[in-house]
Amino acid sequence: MSLKCFSIVAEDIVAVNYFEQNCKAYHLTSREIDIVKLIGEGHTYKEIGKRLFIAEGTVRKHVEHIFEKTAVSNKIALLRKMDSYS
């Protein structure tokens, strides 16, 4: 394995650790974590609802709660906050 491959893996591990730490720090529920992950993958609220078998309005309500817990006002700020060291 080359050093470059190792550094990519290490960066991914650090990002996952920050994400997991932030989920705990902001007291996100397992459903909220699922939604944040799907937002990070670029899915719309409608697509998230279909994947999780919930209404689009329910997704929106979860996102409102996530925004309140993390003190952000949009998806970009949420994703930046979740992937950074708090």
PDB file of N, CA and C in Angstrom:
ATOM      1  N   MET A   1       0.843  -1.168   0.000  1.00  0.00           N
ATOM      2  CA  MET A   1       0.000   0.000   0.000  1.00  0.00           C
ATOM      3  C   MET A   1       0.890   1.233   0.000  1.00  0.00           C
ATOM      4  N   SER A   2       0.561   2.170  -0.859  1.00  0.00           N
ATOM      5  CA  SER A   2       1.369   3.386  -0.911  1.00  0.00           C
ATOM      6  C   SER A   2       0.977   4.331   0.215  1.00  0.00           C
ATOM      7  N   LEU A   3       1.862   5.238   0.518  1.00  0.00           N
ATOM      8  CA  LEU A   3       1.618   6.217   1.572  1.00  0.00           C
ATOM      9  C   LEU A   3       0.421   7.092   1.228  1.00  0.00           C
ATOM     10  N   LYS A   4       0.275   7.409  -0.051  1.00  0.00           N
ATOM     11  CA  LYS A   4      -0.847   8.249  -0.480  1.00  0.00           C
ATOM     12  C   LYS A   4      -2.175   7.561  -0.167  1.00  0.00           C
ATOM     13  N   CYS A   5      -2.289   6.276  -0.452  1.00  0.00           N
ATOM     14  CA  CYS A   5      -3.516   5.532  -0.152  1.00  0.00           C
ATOM     15  C   CYS A   5      -3.781   5.534   1.343  1.00  0.00           C
ATOM     16  N   PHE A   6      -2.744   5.375   2.128  1.00  0.00           N
ATOM     17  CA  PHE A   6      -2.903   5.365   3.579  1.00  0.00           C
ATOM     18  C   PHE A   6      -3.427   6.705   4.070  1.00  0.00           C
ATOM     19  N   SER A   7      -2.925   7.811   3.526  1.00  0.00           N
ATOM     20  CA  SER A   7      -3.356   9.128   3.993  1.00  0.00           C
ATOM     21  C   SER A   7      -4.815   9.382   3.642  1.00  0.00           C
ATOM     22  N   ILE A   8      -5.278   8.885   2.519  1.00  0.00           N
ATOM     23  CA  ILE A   8      -6.690   9.037   2.167  1.00  0.00           C
ATOM     24  C   ILE A   8      -7.549   8.269   3.154  1.00  0.00           C
ATOM     25  N   VAL A   9      -7.157   7.077   3.473  1.00  0.00           N
ATOM     26  CA  VAL A   9      -7.900   6.272   4.444  1.00  0.00           C
ATOM     27  C   VAL A   9      -7.883   6.953   5.802  1.00  0.00           C
ATOM     28  N   ALA A  10      -6.740   7.456   6.216  1.00  0.00           N
ATOM     29  CA  ALA A  10      -6.629   8.133   7.505  1.00  0.00           C
ATOM     30  C   ALA A  10      -7.530   9.366   7.543  1.00  0.00           C
ATOM     31  N   GLU A  11      -7.577  10.145   6.469  1.00  0.00           N
ATOM     32  CA  GLU A  11      -8.444  11.321   6.408  1.00  0.00           C
ATOM     33  C   GLU A  11      -9.901  10.920   6.515  1.00  0.00           C
ATOM     34  N   ASP A  12     -10.282   9.841   5.858  1.00  0.00           N
ATOM     35  CA  ASP A  12     -11.655   9.355   5.931  1.00  0.00           C
ATOM     36  C   ASP A  12     -12.005   8.926   7.351  1.00  0.00           C
ATOM     37  N   ILE A  13     -11.071   8.283   8.017  1.00  0.00           N
ATOM     38  CA  ILE A  13     -11.304   7.847   9.396  1.00  0.00           C
ATOM     39  C   ILE A  13     -11.477   9.055  10.306  1.00  0.00           C
ATOM     40  N   VAL A  14     -10.668  10.073  10.119  1.00  0.00           N
ATOM     41  CA  VAL A  14     -10.774  11.289  10.937  1.00  0.00           C
ATOM     42  C   VAL A  14     -12.131  11.947  10.695  1.00  0.00           C
ATOM     43  N   ALA A  15     -12.561  12.029   9.430  1.00  0.00           N
ATOM     44  CA  ALA A  15     -13.858  12.635   9.113  1.00  0.00           C
ATOM     45  C   ALA A  15     -14.997  11.861   9.766  1.00  0.00           C
ATOM     46  N   VAL A  16     -14.932  10.538   9.722  1.00  0.00           N
ATOM     47  CA  VAL A  16     -15.960   9.713  10.355  1.00  0.00           C
ATOM     48  C   VAL A  16     -15.958   9.948  11.855  1.00  0.00           C
ATOM     49  N   ASN A  17     -14.772  10.015  12.454  1.00  0.00           N
ATOM     50  CA  ASN A  17     -14.684  10.260  13.894  1.00  0.00           C
ATOM     51  C   ASN A  17     -15.287  11.610  14.272  1.00  0.00           C
ATOM     52  N   TYR A  18     -14.990  12.666  13.498  1.00  0.00           N
ATOM     53  CA  TYR A  18     -15.571  13.980  13.775  1.00  0.00           C
ATOM     54  C   TYR A  18     -17.089  13.900  13.660  1.00  0.00           C
ATOM     55  N   PHE A  19     -17.572  13.255  12.605  1.00  0.00           N
ATOM     56  CA  PHE A  19     -19.011  13.139  12.401  1.00  0.00           C
ATOM     57  C   PHE A  19     -19.661  12.435  13.588  1.00  0.00           C
ATOM     58  N   GLU A  20     -19.105  11.300  13.980  1.00  0.00           N
ATOM     59  CA  GLU A  20     -19.673  10.544  15.103  1.00  0.00           C
ATOM     60  C   GLU A  20     -19.617  11.345  16.401  1.00  0.00           C
ATOM     61  N   GLN A  21     -18.507  12.014  16.644  1.00  0.00           N
ATOM     62  CA  GLN A  21     -18.372  12.838  17.852  1.00  0.00           C
ATOM     63  C   GLN A  21     -19.409  13.956  17.863  1.00  0.00           C
ATOM     64  N   ASN A  22     -19.594  14.582  16.708  1.00  0.00           N
ATOM     65  CA  ASN A  22     -20.553  15.684  16.624  1.00  0.00           C
ATOM     66  C   ASN A  22     -21.986  15.190  16.791  1.00  0.00           C
ATOM     67  N   CYS A  23     -22.288  14.026  16.260  1.00  0.00           N
ATOM     68  CA  CYS A  23     -23.632  13.457  16.449  1.00  0.00           C
ATOM     69  C   CYS A  23     -23.929  13.283  17.930  1.00  0.00           C
ATOM     70  N   LYS A  24     -22.947  12.807  18.667  1.00  0.00           N
ATOM     71  CA  LYS A  24     -23.112  12.633  20.119  1.00  0.00           C
ATOM     72  C   LYS A  24     -23.181  13.989  20.821  1.00  0.00           C
ATOM     73  N   ALA A  25     -22.307  14.896  20.431  1.00  0.00           N
ATOM     74  CA  ALA A  25     -22.252  16.205  21.080  1.00  0.00           C
ATOM     75  C   ALA A  25     -23.556  16.979  20.921  1.00  0.00           C
ATOM     76  N   TYR A  26     -24.196  16.831  19.771  1.00  0.00           N
ATOM     77  CA  TYR A  26     -25.446  17.544  19.506  1.00  0.00           C
ATOM     78  C   TYR A  26     -26.681  16.710  19.841  1.00  0.00           C
ATOM     79  N   HIS A  27     -26.465  15.542  20.412  1.00  0.00           N
ATOM     80  CA  HIS A  27     -27.559  14.665  20.856  1.00  0.00           C
ATOM     81  C   HIS A  27     -28.544  14.330  19.731  1.00  0.00           C
ATOM     82  N   LEU A  28     -27.994  13.999  18.556  1.00  0.00           N
ATOM     83  CA  LEU A  28     -28.853  13.622  17.436  1.00  0.00           C
ATOM     84  C   LEU A  28     -29.376  12.205  17.635  1.00  0.00           C
ATOM     85  N   THR A  29     -30.627  12.013  17.296  1.00  0.00           N
ATOM     86  CA  THR A  29     -31.214  10.678  17.366  1.00  0.00           C
ATOM     87  C   THR A  29     -30.710   9.849  16.187  1.00  0.00           C
ATOM     88  N   SER A  30     -30.949   8.551  16.234  1.00  0.00           N
ATOM     89  CA  SER A  30     -30.505   7.696  15.124  1.00  0.00           C
ATOM     90  C   SER A  30     -31.201   8.092  13.824  1.00  0.00           C
ATOM     91  N   ARG A  31     -32.461   8.494  13.887  1.00  0.00           N
ATOM     92  CA  ARG A  31     -33.178   8.937  12.686  1.00  0.00           C
ATOM     93  C   ARG A  31     -32.579  10.230  12.155  1.00  0.00           C
ATOM     94  N   GLU A  32     -32.246  11.149  13.042  1.00  0.00           N
ATOM     95  CA  GLU A  32     -31.633  12.403  12.618  1.00  0.00           C
ATOM     96  C   GLU A  32     -30.270  12.151  11.982  1.00  0.00           C
ATOM     97  N   ILE A  33     -29.519  11.215  12.518  1.00  0.00           N
ATOM     98  CA  ILE A  33     -28.215  10.862  11.948  1.00  0.00           C
ATOM     99  C   ILE A  33     -28.403  10.299  10.543  1.00  0.00           C
ATOM    100  N   ASP A  34     -29.384   9.420  10.369  1.00  0.00           N
ATOM    101  CA  ASP A  34     -29.682   8.872   9.037  1.00  0.00           C
ATOM    102  C   ASP A  34     -29.978   9.999   8.052  1.00  0.00           C
ATOM    103  N   ILE A  35     -30.756  10.956   8.494  1.00  0.00           N
ATOM    104  CA  ILE A  35     -31.134  12.069   7.621  1.00  0.00           C
ATOM    105  C   ILE A  35     -29.921  12.931   7.277  1.00  0.00           C
ATOM    106  N   VAL A  36     -29.076  13.223   8.244  1.00  0.00           N
ATOM    107  CA  VAL A  36     -27.869  14.017   7.972  1.00  0.00           C
ATOM    108  C   VAL A  36     -26.979  13.304   6.958  1.00  0.00           C
ATOM    109  N   LYS A  37     -26.823  11.998   7.112  1.00  0.00           N
ATOM    110  CA  LYS A  37     -26.004  11.228   6.168  1.00  0.00           C
ATOM    111  C   LYS A  37     -26.574  11.318   4.756  1.00  0.00           C
ATOM    112  N   LEU A  38     -27.892  11.196   4.633  1.00  0.00           N
ATOM    113  CA  LEU A  38     -28.524  11.258   3.315  1.00  0.00           C
ATOM    114  C   LEU A  38     -28.450  12.660   2.719  1.00  0.00           C
ATOM    115  N   ILE A  39     -28.563  13.681   3.558  1.00  0.00           N
ATOM    116  CA  ILE A  39     -28.357  15.053   3.086  1.00  0.00           C
ATOM    117  C   ILE A  39     -26.939  15.185   2.541  1.00  0.00           C
ATOM    118  N   GLY A  40     -25.975  14.617   3.266  1.00  0.00           N
ATOM    119  CA  GLY A  40     -24.576  14.669   2.836  1.00  0.00           C
ATOM    120  C   GLY A  40     -24.329  13.961   1.516  1.00  0.00           C
ATOM    121  N   GLU A  41     -25.150  12.971   1.214  1.00  0.00           N
ATOM    122  CA  GLU A  41     -25.050  12.260  -0.069  1.00  0.00           C
ATOM    123  C   GLU A  41     -25.758  13.016  -1.186  1.00  0.00           C
ATOM    124  N   GLY A  42     -26.423  14.123  -0.839  1.00  0.00           N
ATOM    125  CA  GLY A  42     -27.055  14.962  -1.858  1.00  0.00           C
ATOM    126  C   GLY A  42     -28.503  14.640  -2.161  1.00  0.00           C
ATOM    127  N   HIS A  43     -29.151  13.869  -1.319  1.00  0.00           N
ATOM    128  CA  HIS A  43     -30.543  13.503  -1.559  1.00  0.00           C
ATOM    129  C   HIS A  43     -31.486  14.644  -1.193  1.00  0.00           C
ATOM    130  N   THR A  44     -32.590  14.732  -1.911  1.00  0.00           N
ATOM    131  CA  THR A  44     -33.629  15.709  -1.597  1.00  0.00           C
ATOM    132  C   THR A  44     -34.459  15.176  -0.438  1.00  0.00           C
ATOM    133  N   TYR A  45     -35.259  16.060   0.159  1.00  0.00           N
ATOM    134  CA  TYR A  45     -36.131  15.622   1.255  1.00  0.00           C
ATOM    135  C   TYR A  45     -37.104  14.548   0.771  1.00  0.00           C
ATOM    136  N   LYS A  46     -37.577  14.700  -0.443  1.00  0.00           N
ATOM    137  CA  LYS A  46     -38.499  13.708  -1.010  1.00  0.00           C
ATOM    138  C   LYS A  46     -37.814  12.347  -1.132  1.00  0.00           C
ATOM    139  N   GLU A  47     -36.586  12.336  -1.639  1.00  0.00           N
ATOM    140  CA  GLU A  47     -35.830  11.082  -1.767  1.00  0.00           C
ATOM    141  C   GLU A  47     -35.532  10.477  -0.399  1.00  0.00           C
ATOM    142  N   ILE A  48     -35.199  11.331   0.565  1.00  0.00           N
ATOM    143  CA  ILE A  48     -34.920  10.840   1.914  1.00  0.00           C
ATOM    144  C   ILE A  48     -36.166  10.186   2.492  1.00  0.00           C
ATOM    145  N   GLY A  49     -37.307  10.840   2.315  1.00  0.00           N
ATOM    146  CA  GLY A  49     -38.564  10.281   2.793  1.00  0.00           C
ATOM    147  C   GLY A  49     -38.837   8.914   2.204  1.00  0.00           C
ATOM    148  N   LYS A  50     -38.632   8.767   0.904  1.00  0.00           N
ATOM    149  CA  LYS A  50     -38.857   7.474   0.254  1.00  0.00           C
ATOM    150  C   LYS A  50     -37.913   6.409   0.797  1.00  0.00           C
ATOM    151  N   ARG A  51     -36.657   6.765   0.969  1.00  0.00           N
ATOM    152  CA  ARG A  51     -35.667   5.806   1.476  1.00  0.00           C
ATOM    153  C   ARG A  51     -35.962   5.362   2.903  1.00  0.00           C
ATOM    154  N   LEU A  52     -36.453   6.292   3.726  1.00  0.00           N
ATOM    155  CA  LEU A  52     -36.680   6.000   5.139  1.00  0.00           C
ATOM    156  C   LEU A  52     -38.141   5.645   5.435  1.00  0.00           C
ATOM    157  N   PHE A  53     -38.965   5.631   4.378  1.00  0.00           N
ATOM    158  CA  PHE A  53     -40.383   5.282   4.512  1.00  0.00           C
ATOM    159  C   PHE A  53     -41.125   6.234   5.447  1.00  0.00           C
ATOM    160  N   ILE A  54     -40.828   7.524   5.285  1.00  0.00           N
ATOM    161  CA  ILE A  54     -41.532   8.556   6.031  1.00  0.00           C
ATOM    162  C   ILE A  54     -41.942   9.659   5.059  1.00  0.00           C
ATOM    163  N   ALA A  55     -42.901  10.486   5.465  1.00  0.00           N
ATOM    164  CA  ALA A  55     -43.375  11.574   4.615  1.00  0.00           C
ATOM    165  C   ALA A  55     -42.318  12.666   4.477  1.00  0.00           C
ATOM    166  N   GLU A  56     -42.365  13.359   3.357  1.00  0.00           N
ATOM    167  CA  GLU A  56     -41.439  14.467   3.131  1.00  0.00           C
ATOM    168  C   GLU A  56     -41.577  15.518   4.233  1.00  0.00           C
ATOM    169  N   GLY A  57     -42.795  15.761   4.690  1.00  0.00           N
ATOM    170  CA  GLY A  57     -43.023  16.712   5.780  1.00  0.00           C
ATOM    171  C   GLY A  57     -42.351  16.276   7.074  1.00  0.00           C
ATOM    172  N   THR A  58     -42.313  14.968   7.300  1.00  0.00           N
ATOM    173  CA  THR A  58     -41.636  14.439   8.486  1.00  0.00           C
ATOM    174  C   THR A  58     -40.134  14.674   8.377  1.00  0.00           C
ATOM    175  N   VAL A  59     -39.612  14.499   7.184  1.00  0.00           N
ATOM    176  CA  VAL A  59     -38.180  14.784   6.956  1.00  0.00           C
ATOM    177  C   VAL A  59     -37.906  16.249   7.276  1.00  0.00           C
ATOM    178  N   ARG A  60     -38.763  17.124   6.776  1.00  0.00           N
ATOM    179  CA  ARG A  60     -38.574  18.563   7.029  1.00  0.00           C
ATOM    180  C   ARG A  60     -38.591  18.871   8.526  1.00  0.00           C
ATOM    181  N   LYS A  61     -39.475  18.216   9.257  1.00  0.00           N
ATOM    182  CA  LYS A  61     -39.561  18.437  10.705  1.00  0.00           C
ATOM    183  C   LYS A  61     -38.287  17.952  11.401  1.00  0.00           C
ATOM    184  N   HIS A  62     -37.794  16.785  10.980  1.00  0.00           N
ATOM    185  CA  HIS A  62     -36.532  16.287  11.544  1.00  0.00           C
ATOM    186  C   HIS A  62     -35.395  17.272  11.251  1.00  0.00           C
ATOM    187  N   VAL A  63     -35.361  17.796  10.033  1.00  0.00           N
ATOM    188  CA  VAL A  63     -34.303  18.737   9.652  1.00  0.00           C
ATOM    189  C   VAL A  63     -34.402  20.008  10.500  1.00  0.00           C
ATOM    190  N   GLU A  64     -35.619  20.481  10.765  1.00  0.00           N
ATOM    191  CA  GLU A  64     -35.785  21.635  11.643  1.00  0.00           C
ATOM    192  C   GLU A  64     -35.170  21.363  13.014  1.00  0.00           C
ATOM    193  N   HIS A  65     -35.443  20.183  13.558  1.00  0.00           N
ATOM    194  CA  HIS A  65     -34.886  19.813  14.869  1.00  0.00           C
ATOM    195  C   HIS A  65     -33.357  19.725  14.813  1.00  0.00           C
ATOM    196  N   ILE A  66     -32.848  19.149  13.726  1.00  0.00           N
ATOM    197  CA  ILE A  66     -31.394  19.043  13.553  1.00  0.00           C
ATOM    198  C   ILE A  66     -30.770  20.440  13.513  1.00  0.00           C
ATOM    199  N   PHE A  67     -31.376  21.347  12.744  1.00  0.00           N
ATOM    200  CA  PHE A  67     -30.874  22.719  12.651  1.00  0.00           C
ATOM    201  C   PHE A  67     -30.884  23.387  14.025  1.00  0.00           C
ATOM    202  N   GLU A  68     -31.950  23.183  14.793  1.00  0.00           N
ATOM    203  CA  GLU A  68     -32.031  23.774  16.129  1.00  0.00           C
ATOM    204  C   GLU A  68     -30.927  23.226  17.034  1.00  0.00           C
ATOM    205  N   LYS A  69     -30.746  21.910  17.016  1.00  0.00           N
ATOM    206  CA  LYS A  69     -29.750  21.278  17.882  1.00  0.00           C
ATOM    207  C   LYS A  69     -28.334  21.711  17.535  1.00  0.00           C
ATOM    208  N   THR A  70     -28.063  21.918  16.255  1.00  0.00           N
ATOM    209  CA  THR A  70     -26.708  22.245  15.808  1.00  0.00           C
ATOM    210  C   THR A  70     -26.484  23.743  15.600  1.00  0.00           C
ATOM    211  N   ALA A  71     -27.535  24.526  15.791  1.00  0.00           N
ATOM    212  CA  ALA A  71     -27.465  25.994  15.655  1.00  0.00           C
ATOM    213  C   ALA A  71     -26.998  26.431  14.269  1.00  0.00           C
ATOM    214  N   VAL A  72     -27.591  25.818  13.232  1.00  0.00           N
ATOM    215  CA  VAL A  72     -27.323  26.218  11.851  1.00  0.00           C
ATOM    216  C   VAL A  72     -28.642  26.563  11.176  1.00  0.00           C
ATOM    217  N   SER A  73     -28.560  27.176  10.004  1.00  0.00           N
ATOM    218  CA  SER A  73     -29.791  27.568   9.316  1.00  0.00           C
ATOM    219  C   SER A  73     -29.901  27.004   7.897  1.00  0.00           C
ATOM    220  N   ASN A  74     -28.900  26.209   7.483  1.00  0.00           N
ATOM    221  CA  ASN A  74     -28.996  25.603   6.160  1.00  0.00           C
ATOM    222  C   ASN A  74     -28.173  24.318   6.088  1.00  0.00           C
ATOM    223  N   LYS A  75     -28.386  23.562   5.011  1.00  0.00           N
ATOM    224  CA  LYS A  75     -27.746  22.247   4.877  1.00  0.00           C
ATOM    225  C   LYS A  75     -26.232  22.344   4.731  1.00  0.00           C
ATOM    226  N   ILE A  76     -25.756  23.344   4.029  1.00  0.00           N
ATOM    227  CA  ILE A  76     -24.307  23.495   3.835  1.00  0.00           C
ATOM    228  C   ILE A  76     -23.622  23.728   5.189  1.00  0.00           C
ATOM    229  N   ALA A  77     -24.174  24.622   5.974  1.00  0.00           N
ATOM    230  CA  ALA A  77     -23.602  24.898   7.299  1.00  0.00           C
ATOM    231  C   ALA A  77     -23.667  23.652   8.178  1.00  0.00           C
ATOM    232  N   LEU A  78     -24.756  22.900   8.061  1.00  0.00           N
ATOM    233  CA  LEU A  78     -24.895  21.662   8.837  1.00  0.00           C
ATOM    234  C   LEU A  78     -23.785  20.686   8.487  1.00  0.00           C
ATOM    235  N   LEU A  79     -23.581  20.451   7.208  1.00  0.00           N
ATOM    236  CA  LEU A  79     -22.574  19.479   6.776  1.00  0.00           C
ATOM    237  C   LEU A  79     -21.170  19.921   7.171  1.00  0.00           C
ATOM    238  N   ARG A  80     -20.898  21.205   7.060  1.00  0.00           N
ATOM    239  CA  ARG A  80     -19.585  21.721   7.487  1.00  0.00           C
ATOM    240  C   ARG A  80     -19.386  21.506   8.983  1.00  0.00           C
ATOM    241  N   LYS A  81     -20.421  21.798   9.750  1.00  0.00           N
ATOM    242  CA  LYS A  81     -20.327  21.677  11.201  1.00  0.00           C
ATOM    243  C   LYS A  81     -20.153  20.215  11.616  1.00  0.00           C
ATOM    244  N   MET A  82     -20.855  19.319  10.956  1.00  0.00           N
ATOM    245  CA  MET A  82     -20.808  17.911  11.334  1.00  0.00           C
ATOM    246  C   MET A  82     -19.473  17.254  10.983  1.00  0.00           C
ATOM    247  N   ASP A  83     -18.785  17.788   9.987  1.00  0.00           N
ATOM    248  CA  ASP A  83     -17.505  17.209   9.564  1.00  0.00           C
ATOM    249  C   ASP A  83     -16.297  17.920  10.154  1.00  0.00           C
ATOM    250  N   SER A  84     -16.546  18.844  11.070  1.00  0.00           N
ATOM    251  CA  SER A  84     -15.414  19.578  11.652  1.00  0.00           C
ATOM    252  C   SER A  84     -15.291  19.253  13.132  1.00  0.00           C
ATOM    253  N   TYR A  85     -14.152  19.580  13.657  1.00  0.00           N
ATOM    254  CA  TYR A  85     -13.906  19.378  15.076  1.00  0.00           C
ATOM    255  C   TYR A  85     -14.614  20.471  15.854  1.00  0.00           C
ATOM    256  N   SER A  86     -15.486  20.081  16.765  1.00  0.00           N
ATOM    257  CA  SER A  86     -16.248  21.068  17.553  1.00  0.00           C
ATOM    258  C   SER A  86     -15.455  21.609  18.698  1.00  0.00           C
TER     259      SER A  86
END
